[in-house]
Amino acid sequence: MFHVIVNPAGAGGKTMKKWLEAEKIMVREGIPYDATFSTLQKGIEEITSELTENGADLVIFGGDGTMNQVVNGIRDFEHTRVAFFSCGSGNDLARSLGMKYSLQEGILKMKESRTVRSLDIGKVIYHSRTNPEGVRMEDEYSRLFNISSGIGFDAEICAYVQKSKMKKKLNKVGLGKMIYLYEALHVIFTTQRTVSHITFDDGERQDYLGLLFTAAMNEPYEGGGFRFGTDAEAFDGLLDFCTGDSLSQWDFFRIFPYAYKGAHVRFKGVHMKKARSAEIRTDFPLWVHTDGEIEYLSDHITLCLIPEKLNMMI
């Protein structure tokens, strides 16, 4: 039995449309399934948690944010398998995994369940956190991620995207991924740089006087197609850390376009390192994101991988 989870409000209604097309194929192919739709009262994470207490075969219709809620909801990773049909604006997970097949091809792959890839799962640990209202909490808190987690500029962009009215407008005309570039052009003029200290699991320490951002990439792409993790792979047991330091607005406009092809790494002020984990301290709290999802700001986090794997039917 395949348990279908749908975010019906996703991508301006396109997610629901895609599911209805998929349902016809599944009925025609005789594929057993049940379907659950997220609501404001019961979200994707809660639905996933209920279905995976003892493992399950999940079929997800939604975007990268939906998949972030799925990975945070899974209770039994070993016995849970996930098929993903991307319907979001960024589509970075599908892009990173090379999921270019048609809807029918994807459903037949899922039915056969021949190809299961076990992907690394990232984790951000907040050693301190501040909510959007400015209330600071010292208790430890964590979230998982599939694609990336970042602190600073890229997370601040996500904070603006999350509340942007422009996103819905762009989604309706099929240009949803442009929202990240649209907000980046705004944020670069207002974001604050900070002193930062990053300590990796191998003992190396990097100190920065004007940190713009640090992103831990589990997959190559984030932000709607920017290849910040040039060589990132979700199968190598490592995160690819991309750090931007002491970059001016002019540097941003000069370097940022190259990130689409992963060529930003050749510029001064861009630093790359592969590691299992990194502890990051900043002089003041900055926004933190997991797969583009925003909850808190922090001045002290650890980015790492967990032992469990995400079993994807690809």
C-alpha atoms as a PDB file:
ATOM      1  CA  MET A   1       0.000   0.000   0.000  1.00  0.00           C
ATOM      2  CA  PHE A   2       1.267   3.436  -0.966  1.00  0.00           C
ATOM      3  CA  HIS A   3       0.330   6.290   1.352  1.00  0.00           C
ATOM      4  CA  VAL A   4      -0.085   9.464  -0.682  1.00  0.00           C
ATOM      5  CA  ILE A   5       0.398  12.821   1.086  1.00  0.00           C
ATOM      6  CA  VAL A   6      -0.647  15.950  -0.792  1.00  0.00           C
ATOM      7  CA  ASN A   7      -0.189  19.619   0.010  1.00  0.00           C
ATOM      8  CA  PRO A   8      -3.327  20.831  -1.828  1.00  0.00           C
ATOM      9  CA  ALA A   9      -2.462  24.522  -1.458  1.00  0.00           C
ATOM     10  CA  GLY A  10       1.049  24.103  -2.853  1.00  0.00           C
ATOM     11  CA  ALA A  11       2.302  25.995  -5.917  1.00  0.00           C
ATOM     12  CA  GLY A  12      -0.875  27.986  -6.313  1.00  0.00           C
ATOM     13  CA  GLY A  13      -3.045  24.901  -6.779  1.00  0.00           C
ATOM     14  CA  LYS A  14      -0.713  23.149  -9.246  1.00  0.00           C
ATOM     15  CA  THR A  15       0.129  20.458  -6.689  1.00  0.00           C
ATOM     16  CA  MET A  16      -3.508  19.360  -6.468  1.00  0.00           C
ATOM     17  CA  LYS A  17      -3.803  19.359 -10.246  1.00  0.00           C
ATOM     18  CA  LYS A  18      -0.734  17.137 -10.540  1.00  0.00           C
ATOM     19  CA  TRP A  19      -2.090  14.719  -7.951  1.00  0.00           C
ATOM     20  CA  LEU A  20      -5.399  14.372  -9.795  1.00  0.00           C
ATOM     21  CA  GLU A  21      -3.478  13.483 -12.945  1.00  0.00           C
ATOM     22  CA  ALA A  22      -1.359  10.994 -11.006  1.00  0.00           C
ATOM     23  CA  GLU A  23      -4.408   9.426  -9.376  1.00  0.00           C
ATOM     24  CA  LYS A  24      -5.823   8.512 -12.779  1.00  0.00           C
ATOM     25  CA  ILE A  25      -2.559   6.766 -13.686  1.00  0.00           C
ATOM     26  CA  MET A  26      -2.417   4.907 -10.368  1.00  0.00           C
ATOM     27  CA  VAL A  27      -6.008   3.670 -10.785  1.00  0.00           C
ATOM     28  CA  ARG A  28      -5.287   2.595 -14.348  1.00  0.00           C
ATOM     29  CA  GLU A  29      -2.136   0.735 -13.251  1.00  0.00           C
ATOM     30  CA  GLY A  30      -3.938  -0.955 -10.356  1.00  0.00           C
ATOM     31  CA  ILE A  31      -1.644   0.582  -7.749  1.00  0.00           C
ATOM     32  CA  PRO A  32      -3.108   0.322  -4.205  1.00  0.00           C
ATOM     33  CA  TYR A  33      -3.079   3.637  -2.345  1.00  0.00           C
ATOM     34  CA  ASP A  34      -4.770   5.886   0.142  1.00  0.00           C
ATOM     35  CA  ALA A  35      -4.499   9.682   0.107  1.00  0.00           C
ATOM     36  CA  THR A  36      -4.238  12.263   2.886  1.00  0.00           C
ATOM     37  CA  PHE A  37      -4.379  16.016   2.360  1.00  0.00           C
ATOM     38  CA  SER A  38      -2.684  18.468   4.672  1.00  0.00           C
ATOM     39  CA  THR A  39      -4.716  21.218   6.320  1.00  0.00           C
ATOM     40  CA  LEU A  40      -3.998  24.188   8.561  1.00  0.00           C
ATOM     41  CA  GLN A  41      -5.094  22.015  11.495  1.00  0.00           C
ATOM     42  CA  LYS A  42      -3.021  18.974  10.503  1.00  0.00           C
ATOM     43  CA  GLY A  43       0.163  19.524   8.578  1.00  0.00           C
ATOM     44  CA  ILE A  44       2.516  17.331   6.556  1.00  0.00           C
ATOM     45  CA  GLU A  45       4.854  16.640   9.482  1.00  0.00           C
ATOM     46  CA  GLU A  46       2.083  15.355  11.740  1.00  0.00           C
ATOM     47  CA  ILE A  47       0.583  13.209   8.970  1.00  0.00           C
ATOM     48  CA  THR A  48       4.007  11.722   8.199  1.00  0.00           C
ATOM     49  CA  SER A  49       4.665  10.985  11.853  1.00  0.00           C
ATOM     50  CA  GLU A  50       1.393   9.054  12.207  1.00  0.00           C
ATOM     51  CA  LEU A  51       2.007   6.998   9.054  1.00  0.00           C
ATOM     52  CA  THR A  52       5.633   6.033   9.741  1.00  0.00           C
ATOM     53  CA  GLU A  53       5.574   4.750  13.310  1.00  0.00           C
ATOM     54  CA  ASN A  54       6.436   1.299  11.940  1.00  0.00           C
ATOM     55  CA  GLY A  55       7.594   2.348   8.482  1.00  0.00           C
ATOM     56  CA  ALA A  56       5.584   2.991   5.319  1.00  0.00           C
ATOM     57  CA  ASP A  57       5.809   3.627   1.589  1.00  0.00           C
ATOM     58  CA  LEU A  58       5.054   7.336   1.179  1.00  0.00           C
ATOM     59  CA  VAL A  59       4.218   9.194  -2.026  1.00  0.00           C
ATOM     60  CA  ILE A  60       4.681  12.947  -1.646  1.00  0.00           C
ATOM     61  CA  PHE A  61       3.172  15.664  -3.823  1.00  0.00           C
ATOM     62  CA  GLY A  62       4.577  19.064  -2.922  1.00  0.00           C
ATOM     63  CA  GLY A  63       7.704  21.191  -2.976  1.00  0.00           C
ATOM     64  CA  ASP A  64      11.020  21.276  -1.158  1.00  0.00           C
ATOM     65  CA  GLY A  65       9.291  22.695   1.910  1.00  0.00           C
ATOM     66  CA  THR A  66       6.871  19.775   1.932  1.00  0.00           C
ATOM     67  CA  MET A  67       9.763  17.316   1.792  1.00  0.00           C
ATOM     68  CA  ASN A  68      11.415  19.142   4.678  1.00  0.00           C
ATOM     69  CA  GLN A  69       8.314  18.517   6.763  1.00  0.00           C
ATOM     70  CA  VAL A  70       8.317  14.867   5.646  1.00  0.00           C
ATOM     71  CA  VAL A  71      11.916  14.212   6.737  1.00  0.00           C
ATOM     72  CA  ASN A  72      11.212  15.876  10.085  1.00  0.00           C
ATOM     73  CA  GLY A  73       8.096  13.736  10.544  1.00  0.00           C
ATOM     74  CA  ILE A  74       9.478  10.273   9.720  1.00  0.00           C
ATOM     75  CA  ARG A  75       9.707   8.121  12.840  1.00  0.00           C
ATOM     76  CA  ASP A  76      11.143   4.905  11.374  1.00  0.00           C
ATOM     77  CA  PHE A  77      13.701   5.773   8.692  1.00  0.00           C
ATOM     78  CA  GLU A  78      14.893   2.200   8.177  1.00  0.00           C
ATOM     79  CA  HIS A  79      11.483   0.897   7.115  1.00  0.00           C
ATOM     80  CA  THR A  80      10.158   3.986   5.346  1.00  0.00           C
ATOM     81  CA  ARG A  81      10.541   4.621   1.612  1.00  0.00           C
ATOM     82  CA  VAL A  82       9.623   7.870  -0.110  1.00  0.00           C
ATOM     83  CA  ALA A  83       8.571   8.642  -3.692  1.00  0.00           C
ATOM     84  CA  PHE A  84       8.564  12.366  -4.437  1.00  0.00           C
ATOM     85  CA  PHE A  85       6.694  14.232  -7.156  1.00  0.00           C
ATOM     86  CA  SER A  86       7.957  17.794  -7.131  1.00  0.00           C
ATOM     87  CA  CYS A  87       5.382  20.562  -7.521  1.00  0.00           C
ATOM     88  CA  GLY A  88       7.083  23.515  -5.842  1.00  0.00           C
ATOM     89  CA  SER A  89       8.632  26.765  -7.004  1.00  0.00           C
ATOM     90  CA  GLY A  90      12.264  25.960  -6.218  1.00  0.00           C
ATOM     91  CA  ASN A  91      12.348  22.232  -7.117  1.00  0.00           C
ATOM     92  CA  ASP A  92      15.949  21.992  -5.901  1.00  0.00           C
ATOM     93  CA  LEU A  93      15.660  18.452  -4.540  1.00  0.00           C
ATOM     94  CA  ALA A  94      14.294  17.072  -7.813  1.00  0.00           C
ATOM     95  CA  ARG A  95      16.920  19.045  -9.752  1.00  0.00           C
ATOM     96  CA  SER A  96      19.746  17.761  -7.560  1.00  0.00           C
ATOM     97  CA  LEU A  97      18.600  14.143  -7.876  1.00  0.00           C
ATOM     98  CA  GLY A  98      18.150  14.363 -11.659  1.00  0.00           C
ATOM     99  CA  MET A  99      14.426  13.591 -11.525  1.00  0.00           C
ATOM    100  CA  LYS A 100      13.592  14.609 -15.101  1.00  0.00           C
ATOM    101  CA  TYR A 101      11.154  11.841 -15.988  1.00  0.00           C
ATOM    102  CA  SER A 102       7.472  12.335 -16.766  1.00  0.00           C
ATOM    103  CA  LEU A 103       4.692  11.839 -14.234  1.00  0.00           C
ATOM    104  CA  GLN A 104       3.777   8.454 -15.711  1.00  0.00           C
ATOM    105  CA  GLU A 105       7.411   7.313 -15.766  1.00  0.00           C
ATOM    106  CA  GLY A 106       7.791   8.338 -12.130  1.00  0.00           C
ATOM    107  CA  ILE A 107       4.698   6.423 -11.063  1.00  0.00           C
ATOM    108  CA  LEU A 108       5.858   3.282 -12.893  1.00  0.00           C
ATOM    109  CA  LYS A 109       9.277   3.573 -11.207  1.00  0.00           C
ATOM    110  CA  MET A 110       7.503   3.860  -7.878  1.00  0.00           C
ATOM    111  CA  LYS A 111       5.300   0.847  -8.666  1.00  0.00           C
ATOM    112  CA  GLU A 112       8.297  -1.307  -9.511  1.00  0.00           C
ATOM    113  CA  SER A 113      10.277   0.073  -6.530  1.00  0.00           C
ATOM    114  CA  ARG A 114      13.468  -1.217  -8.117  1.00  0.00           C
ATOM    115  CA  THR A 115      15.658   1.807  -7.480  1.00  0.00           C
ATOM    116  CA  VAL A 116      15.947   2.907  -3.868  1.00  0.00           C
ATOM    117  CA  ARG A 117      18.706   5.396  -3.051  1.00  0.00           C
ATOM    118  CA  SER A 118      19.676   6.055   0.537  1.00  0.00           C
ATOM    119  CA  LEU A 119      20.380   9.755   1.008  1.00  0.00           C
ATOM    120  CA  ASP A 120      22.277  11.539   3.758  1.00  0.00           C
ATOM    121  CA  ILE A 121      20.140  13.657   6.083  1.00  0.00           C
ATOM    122  CA  GLY A 122      21.384  16.931   7.516  1.00  0.00           C
ATOM    123  CA  LYS A 123      20.679  18.400  10.935  1.00  0.00           C
ATOM    124  CA  VAL A 124      20.926  21.899  12.379  1.00  0.00           C
ATOM    125  CA  ILE A 125      21.262  22.171  16.144  1.00  0.00           C
ATOM    126  CA  TYR A 126      20.361  25.517  17.682  1.00  0.00           C
ATOM    127  CA  HIS A 127      22.425  26.033  20.853  1.00  0.00           C
ATOM    128  CA  SER A 128      20.548  29.301  21.262  1.00  0.00           C
ATOM    129  CA  ARG A 129      17.679  30.737  19.265  1.00  0.00           C
ATOM    130  CA  THR A 130      15.675  33.927  18.940  1.00  0.00           C
ATOM    131  CA  ASN A 131      12.164  34.007  17.550  1.00  0.00           C
ATOM    132  CA  PRO A 132      10.946  36.678  15.096  1.00  0.00           C
ATOM    133  CA  GLU A 133       9.524  38.669  18.033  1.00  0.00           C
ATOM    134  CA  GLY A 134      12.989  38.942  19.575  1.00  0.00           C
ATOM    135  CA  VAL A 135      12.493  36.466  22.439  1.00  0.00           C
ATOM    136  CA  ARG A 136      15.724  34.535  23.115  1.00  0.00           C
ATOM    137  CA  MET A 137      15.668  30.877  24.173  1.00  0.00           C
ATOM    138  CA  GLU A 138      18.692  28.974  25.461  1.00  0.00           C
ATOM    139  CA  ASP A 139      17.284  25.432  25.226  1.00  0.00           C
ATOM    140  CA  GLU A 140      18.749  23.179  22.526  1.00  0.00           C
ATOM    141  CA  TYR A 141      16.525  22.631  19.496  1.00  0.00           C
ATOM    142  CA  SER A 142      17.094  20.882  16.176  1.00  0.00           C
ATOM    143  CA  ARG A 143      15.639  20.422  12.681  1.00  0.00           C
ATOM    144  CA  LEU A 144      16.518  18.048   9.842  1.00  0.00           C
ATOM    145  CA  PHE A 145      17.106  18.995   6.211  1.00  0.00           C
ATOM    146  CA  ASN A 146      17.380  17.290   2.822  1.00  0.00           C
ATOM    147  CA  ILE A 147      18.966  19.956   0.634  1.00  0.00           C
ATOM    148  CA  SER A 148      20.732  22.574   2.706  1.00  0.00           C
ATOM    149  CA  SER A 149      20.776  24.650   5.839  1.00  0.00           C
ATOM    150  CA  GLY A 150      22.307  28.095   6.030  1.00  0.00           C
ATOM    151  CA  ILE A 151      22.876  31.023   8.337  1.00  0.00           C
ATOM    152  CA  GLY A 152      23.009  34.653   7.241  1.00  0.00           C
ATOM    153  CA  PHE A 153      22.248  36.048   3.801  1.00  0.00           C
ATOM    154  CA  ASP A 154      20.679  32.988   2.148  1.00  0.00           C
ATOM    155  CA  ALA A 155      18.472  32.390   5.189  1.00  0.00           C
ATOM    156  CA  GLU A 156      17.462  36.057   5.303  1.00  0.00           C
ATOM    157  CA  ILE A 157      16.335  35.753   1.676  1.00  0.00           C
ATOM    158  CA  CYS A 158      14.182  32.787   2.714  1.00  0.00           C
ATOM    159  CA  ALA A 159      12.647  34.856   5.508  1.00  0.00           C
ATOM    160  CA  TYR A 160      11.531  37.451   2.969  1.00  0.00           C
ATOM    161  CA  VAL A 161      10.350  34.784   0.501  1.00  0.00           C
ATOM    162  CA  GLN A 162       8.258  33.103   3.198  1.00  0.00           C
ATOM    163  CA  LYS A 163       6.144  36.232   3.700  1.00  0.00           C
ATOM    164  CA  SER A 164       6.318  37.567   0.136  1.00  0.00           C
ATOM    165  CA  LYS A 165       3.095  38.314  -1.745  1.00  0.00           C
ATOM    166  CA  MET A 166       5.108  38.234  -4.962  1.00  0.00           C
ATOM    167  CA  LYS A 167       5.713  34.475  -4.648  1.00  0.00           C
ATOM    168  CA  LYS A 168       2.051  33.598  -5.292  1.00  0.00           C
ATOM    169  CA  LYS A 169       1.967  35.928  -8.288  1.00  0.00           C
ATOM    170  CA  LEU A 170       5.109  34.404  -9.802  1.00  0.00           C
ATOM    171  CA  ASN A 171       3.864  30.851  -9.128  1.00  0.00           C
ATOM    172  CA  LYS A 172       0.707  31.549 -11.129  1.00  0.00           C
ATOM    173  CA  VAL A 173       2.755  32.392 -14.232  1.00  0.00           C
ATOM    174  CA  GLY A 174       5.270  29.576 -13.751  1.00  0.00           C
ATOM    175  CA  LEU A 175       8.107  31.814 -12.554  1.00  0.00           C
ATOM    176  CA  GLY A 176       8.076  30.861  -8.885  1.00  0.00           C
ATOM    177  CA  LYS A 177      11.795  30.196  -8.658  1.00  0.00           C
ATOM    178  CA  MET A 178      12.512  33.804  -9.606  1.00  0.00           C
ATOM    179  CA  ILE A 179      11.271  34.903  -6.176  1.00  0.00           C
ATOM    180  CA  TYR A 180      14.658  33.986  -4.664  1.00  0.00           C
ATOM    181  CA  LEU A 181      16.532  36.242  -7.071  1.00  0.00           C
ATOM    182  CA  TYR A 182      13.926  38.977  -6.622  1.00  0.00           C
ATOM    183  CA  GLU A 183      14.354  39.004  -2.841  1.00  0.00           C
ATOM    184  CA  ALA A 184      18.150  38.599  -3.020  1.00  0.00           C
ATOM    185  CA  LEU A 185      18.403  41.858  -4.958  1.00  0.00           C
ATOM    186  CA  HIS A 186      16.577  43.544  -2.078  1.00  0.00           C
ATOM    187  CA  VAL A 187      18.323  41.848   0.858  1.00  0.00           C
ATOM    188  CA  ILE A 188      21.897  42.448  -0.353  1.00  0.00           C
ATOM    189  CA  PHE A 189      21.491  46.171   0.356  1.00  0.00           C
ATOM    190  CA  THR A 190      20.218  45.737   3.915  1.00  0.00           C
ATOM    191  CA  THR A 191      21.831  42.559   5.298  1.00  0.00           C
ATOM    192  CA  GLN A 192      24.432  42.893   8.042  1.00  0.00           C
ATOM    193  CA  ARG A 193      27.867  41.254   7.954  1.00  0.00           C
ATOM    194  CA  THR A 194      29.274  39.851  11.199  1.00  0.00           C
ATOM    195  CA  VAL A 195      32.352  38.412  12.856  1.00  0.00           C
ATOM    196  CA  SER A 196      32.107  34.626  12.773  1.00  0.00           C
ATOM    197  CA  HIS A 197      34.057  31.615  14.004  1.00  0.00           C
ATOM    198  CA  ILE A 198      33.548  28.234  12.325  1.00  0.00           C
ATOM    199  CA  THR A 199      35.058  25.048  13.775  1.00  0.00           C
ATOM    200  CA  PHE A 200      34.926  21.865  11.667  1.00  0.00           C
ATOM    201  CA  ASP A 201      34.969  18.258  12.888  1.00  0.00           C
ATOM    202  CA  ASP A 202      38.597  17.852  11.758  1.00  0.00           C
ATOM    203  CA  GLY A 203      39.641  20.643  14.125  1.00  0.00           C
ATOM    204  CA  GLU A 204      40.159  23.342  11.496  1.00  0.00           C
ATOM    205  CA  ARG A 205      38.917  26.784  12.564  1.00  0.00           C
ATOM    206  CA  GLN A 206      38.000  29.576  10.173  1.00  0.00           C
ATOM    207  CA  ASP A 207      37.570  33.134  11.462  1.00  0.00           C
ATOM    208  CA  TYR A 208      35.759  35.762   9.401  1.00  0.00           C
ATOM    209  CA  LEU A 209      35.429  39.496   9.967  1.00  0.00           C
ATOM    210  CA  GLY A 210      32.574  40.129   7.529  1.00  0.00           C
ATOM    211  CA  LEU A 211      30.564  36.920   7.221  1.00  0.00           C
ATOM    212  CA  LEU A 212      27.739  37.216   4.697  1.00  0.00           C
ATOM    213  CA  PHE A 213      26.540  33.606   4.913  1.00  0.00           C
ATOM    214  CA  THR A 214      27.498  29.991   5.450  1.00  0.00           C
ATOM    215  CA  ALA A 215      25.471  27.248   3.766  1.00  0.00           C
ATOM    216  CA  ALA A 216      25.818  23.540   4.481  1.00  0.00           C
ATOM    217  CA  MET A 217      24.954  21.798   1.216  1.00  0.00           C
ATOM    218  CA  ASN A 218      23.782  18.189   1.237  1.00  0.00           C
ATOM    219  CA  GLU A 219      22.628  18.521  -2.382  1.00  0.00           C
ATOM    220  CA  PRO A 220      24.122  20.791  -5.093  1.00  0.00           C
ATOM    221  CA  TYR A 221      21.243  23.238  -5.588  1.00  0.00           C
ATOM    222  CA  GLU A 222      19.315  25.665  -3.414  1.00  0.00           C
ATOM    223  CA  GLY A 223      17.328  28.855  -3.893  1.00  0.00           C
ATOM    224  CA  GLY A 224      15.665  27.787  -7.129  1.00  0.00           C
ATOM    225  CA  GLY A 225      18.671  26.523  -9.072  1.00  0.00           C
ATOM    226  CA  PHE A 226      21.790  28.125  -7.584  1.00  0.00           C
ATOM    227  CA  ARG A 227      24.589  25.550  -7.459  1.00  0.00           C
ATOM    228  CA  PHE A 228      26.179  26.663  -4.184  1.00  0.00           C
ATOM    229  CA  GLY A 229      27.251  23.083  -3.425  1.00  0.00           C
ATOM    230  CA  THR A 230      29.269  22.614  -6.601  1.00  0.00           C
ATOM    231  CA  ASP A 231      30.422  19.072  -5.764  1.00  0.00           C
ATOM    232  CA  ALA A 232      27.839  18.191  -3.108  1.00  0.00           C
ATOM    233  CA  GLU A 233      26.449  14.656  -3.091  1.00  0.00           C
ATOM    234  CA  ALA A 234      23.907  13.239  -0.681  1.00  0.00           C
ATOM    235  CA  PHE A 235      25.653   9.852  -0.727  1.00  0.00           C
ATOM    236  CA  ASP A 236      29.171  10.700   0.475  1.00  0.00           C
ATOM    237  CA  GLY A 237      28.653  11.186   4.220  1.00  0.00           C
ATOM    238  CA  LEU A 238      29.839  14.795   3.981  1.00  0.00           C
ATOM    239  CA  LEU A 239      28.357  18.290   3.830  1.00  0.00           C
ATOM    240  CA  ASP A 240      29.773  20.880   1.442  1.00  0.00           C
ATOM    241  CA  PHE A 241      30.152  24.184   3.292  1.00  0.00           C
ATOM    242  CA  CYS A 242      30.002  27.348   1.189  1.00  0.00           C
ATOM    243  CA  THR A 243      30.932  30.578   2.986  1.00  0.00           C
ATOM    244  CA  GLY A 244      30.834  34.125   1.674  1.00  0.00           C
ATOM    245  CA  ASP A 245      32.989  36.622   3.566  1.00  0.00           C
ATOM    246  CA  SER A 246      33.721  40.338   3.168  1.00  0.00           C
ATOM    247  CA  LEU A 247      31.676  40.578  -0.014  1.00  0.00           C
ATOM    248  CA  SER A 248      30.387  44.012  -0.987  1.00  0.00           C
ATOM    249  CA  GLN A 249      27.218  44.717  -2.948  1.00  0.00           C
ATOM    250  CA  TRP A 250      29.377  45.047  -6.064  1.00  0.00           C
ATOM    251  CA  ASP A 251      30.983  41.667  -5.342  1.00  0.00           C
ATOM    252  CA  PHE A 252      27.510  40.163  -5.034  1.00  0.00           C
ATOM    253  CA  PHE A 253      26.346  41.429  -8.428  1.00  0.00           C
ATOM    254  CA  ARG A 254      29.632  40.258  -9.967  1.00  0.00           C
ATOM    255  CA  ILE A 255      29.669  36.785  -8.410  1.00  0.00           C
ATOM    256  CA  PHE A 256      26.019  35.781  -7.883  1.00  0.00           C
ATOM    257  CA  PRO A 257      25.206  34.991 -11.557  1.00  0.00           C
ATOM    258  CA  TYR A 258      28.080  32.503 -11.624  1.00  0.00           C
ATOM    259  CA  ALA A 259      26.427  30.502  -8.836  1.00  0.00           C
ATOM    260  CA  TYR A 260      23.913  29.075 -11.317  1.00  0.00           C
ATOM    261  CA  LYS A 261      26.734  27.002 -12.816  1.00  0.00           C
ATOM    262  CA  GLY A 262      28.729  26.572  -9.609  1.00  0.00           C
ATOM    263  CA  ALA A 263      31.472  28.860 -10.897  1.00  0.00           C
ATOM    264  CA  HIS A 264      31.268  31.221  -7.887  1.00  0.00           C
ATOM    265  CA  VAL A 265      33.950  29.155  -6.133  1.00  0.00           C
ATOM    266  CA  ARG A 266      36.760  30.765  -8.133  1.00  0.00           C
ATOM    267  CA  PHE A 267      36.170  34.228  -6.678  1.00  0.00           C
ATOM    268  CA  LYS A 268      37.967  35.747  -3.720  1.00  0.00           C
ATOM    269  CA  GLY A 269      35.773  35.795  -0.634  1.00  0.00           C
ATOM    270  CA  VAL A 270      34.039  32.480  -1.434  1.00  0.00           C
ATOM    271  CA  HIS A 271      35.307  29.544   0.642  1.00  0.00           C
ATOM    272  CA  MET A 272      34.433  25.860   0.206  1.00  0.00           C
ATOM    273  CA  LYS A 273      35.097  22.916   2.508  1.00  0.00           C
ATOM    274  CA  LYS A 274      33.840  19.342   2.825  1.00  0.00           C
ATOM    275  CA  ALA A 275      33.226  18.191   6.395  1.00  0.00           C
ATOM    276  CA  ARG A 276      30.986  16.020   8.525  1.00  0.00           C
ATOM    277  CA  SER A 277      30.017  18.891  10.799  1.00  0.00           C
ATOM    278  CA  ALA A 278      30.693  22.512  11.686  1.00  0.00           C
ATOM    279  CA  GLU A 279      29.984  24.620  14.757  1.00  0.00           C
ATOM    280  CA  ILE A 280      29.245  28.251  13.885  1.00  0.00           C
ATOM    281  CA  ARG A 281      29.288  31.250  16.219  1.00  0.00           C
ATOM    282  CA  THR A 282      28.419  34.804  15.182  1.00  0.00           C
ATOM    283  CA  ASP A 283      28.532  38.143  16.994  1.00  0.00           C
ATOM    284  CA  PHE A 284      24.753  38.527  16.842  1.00  0.00           C
ATOM    285  CA  PRO A 285      21.775  36.335  15.847  1.00  0.00           C
ATOM    286  CA  LEU A 286      21.237  35.725  12.131  1.00  0.00           C
ATOM    287  CA  TRP A 287      18.403  33.995  10.307  1.00  0.00           C
ATOM    288  CA  VAL A 288      18.780  30.228   9.888  1.00  0.00           C
ATOM    289  CA  HIS A 289      16.965  28.121   7.274  1.00  0.00           C
ATOM    290  CA  THR A 290      16.458  24.414   6.632  1.00  0.00           C
ATOM    291  CA  ASP A 291      15.535  23.687   3.008  1.00  0.00           C
ATOM    292  CA  GLY A 292      14.330  27.264   2.722  1.00  0.00           C
ATOM    293  CA  GLU A 293      12.080  27.002   5.793  1.00  0.00           C
ATOM    294  CA  ILE A 294      12.514  29.671   8.489  1.00  0.00           C
ATOM    295  CA  GLU A 295      11.790  29.469  12.215  1.00  0.00           C
ATOM    296  CA  TYR A 296      14.488  31.215  14.249  1.00  0.00           C
ATOM    297  CA  LEU A 297      17.587  33.389  14.303  1.00  0.00           C
ATOM    298  CA  SER A 298      20.707  32.181  16.105  1.00  0.00           C
ATOM    299  CA  ASP A 299      24.269  33.142  16.984  1.00  0.00           C
ATOM    300  CA  HIS A 300      25.382  29.582  17.764  1.00  0.00           C
ATOM    301  CA  ILE A 301      24.506  26.514  15.690  1.00  0.00           C
ATOM    302  CA  THR A 302      25.988  23.183  14.665  1.00  0.00           C
ATOM    303  CA  LEU A 303      25.400  21.745  11.185  1.00  0.00           C
ATOM    304  CA  CYS A 304      25.944  18.000  10.799  1.00  0.00           C
ATOM    305  CA  LEU A 305      24.615  14.708   9.401  1.00  0.00           C
ATOM    306  CA  ILE A 306      22.610  12.104  11.300  1.00  0.00           C
ATOM    307  CA  PRO A 307      23.227   8.310  11.120  1.00  0.00           C
ATOM    308  CA  GLU A 308      19.813   7.603   9.553  1.00  0.00           C
ATOM    309  CA  LYS A 309      19.247   7.706   5.778  1.00  0.00           C
ATOM    310  CA  LEU A 310      16.290   8.820   3.674  1.00  0.00           C
ATOM    311  CA  ASN A 311      15.284   5.925   1.400  1.00  0.00           C
ATOM    312  CA  MET A 312      14.037   7.442  -1.859  1.00  0.00           C
ATOM    313  CA  MET A 313      12.269   5.518  -4.615  1.00  0.00           C
ATOM    314  CA  ILE A 314      13.843   7.245  -7.624  1.00  0.00           C
END
